[in-house]
Amino acid sequence: MSRWFNTAGPCKADIHYMLSATSRLPNLEQVIALALSTGVEHSNVNMQLDAI
């Protein structure tokens, strides 16, 4: 069975191409930890992700 990129819902590794979030966002764990430890609102986390 061939694979394709899924843009409509949950991805399944056996039928969809998967891209690692950590390779595209190497500081993701730090951003999440910062947001959890400081109670940063969603919009502020998005601004930090945009800066990465």
Protein backbone atom coordinates (compact mmCIF):
# COMPACT_ATOMS: atom_id res chain seq x y z
CA MET A 1 0.00 0.00 0.00
CA SER A 2 1.37 3.41 -0.88
CA ARG A 3 1.62 6.21 1.66
CA TRP A 4 0.46 9.80 1.42
CA PHE A 5 0.49 13.00 3.49
CA ASN A 6 -2.62 13.28 5.62
CA THR A 7 -3.99 16.79 6.13
CA ALA A 8 -7.50 15.93 7.28
CA GLY A 9 -7.15 14.19 10.63
CA PRO A 10 -5.10 11.85 12.83
CA CYS A 11 -2.04 10.34 11.15
CA LYS A 12 -1.32 6.63 11.06
CA ALA A 13 2.33 5.73 10.53
CA ASP A 14 1.55 2.67 8.42
CA ILE A 15 -0.36 4.64 5.73
CA HIS A 16 0.77 8.26 6.13
CA TYR A 17 4.13 9.94 5.79
CA MET A 18 5.23 11.20 9.20
CA LEU A 19 7.49 14.19 9.93
CA SER A 20 9.24 14.43 13.26
CA ALA A 21 8.25 17.54 15.20
CA THR A 22 11.54 17.51 17.09
CA SER A 23 13.60 17.78 13.91
CA ARG A 24 11.54 20.77 12.73
CA LEU A 25 11.31 22.39 16.19
CA PRO A 26 14.48 21.48 18.08
CA ASN A 27 13.59 23.74 21.05
CA LEU A 28 10.02 22.45 21.36
CA GLU A 29 10.59 20.72 24.71
CA GLN A 30 12.06 23.93 26.16
CA VAL A 31 9.12 26.01 24.92
CA ILE A 32 6.61 23.57 26.41
CA ALA A 33 8.50 23.43 29.71
CA LEU A 34 8.61 27.23 29.85
CA ALA A 35 4.89 27.49 29.11
CA LEU A 36 4.02 24.93 31.78
CA SER A 37 6.27 26.45 34.42
CA THR A 38 5.17 30.05 33.91
CA GLY A 39 1.53 29.60 32.90
CA VAL A 40 2.15 31.33 29.57
CA GLU A 41 -0.98 31.76 27.50
CA HIS A 42 -1.37 30.06 24.13
CA SER A 43 -0.69 33.21 22.08
CA ASN A 44 2.64 33.81 23.80
CA VAL A 45 3.76 30.22 23.12
CA ASN A 46 2.90 30.71 19.44
CA MET A 47 5.07 33.81 19.30
CA GLN A 48 7.99 31.84 20.75
CA LEU A 49 7.47 29.00 18.27
CA ASP A 50 7.44 31.51 15.40
CA ALA A 51 10.80 32.82 16.57
CA ILE A 52 12.44 29.38 16.43
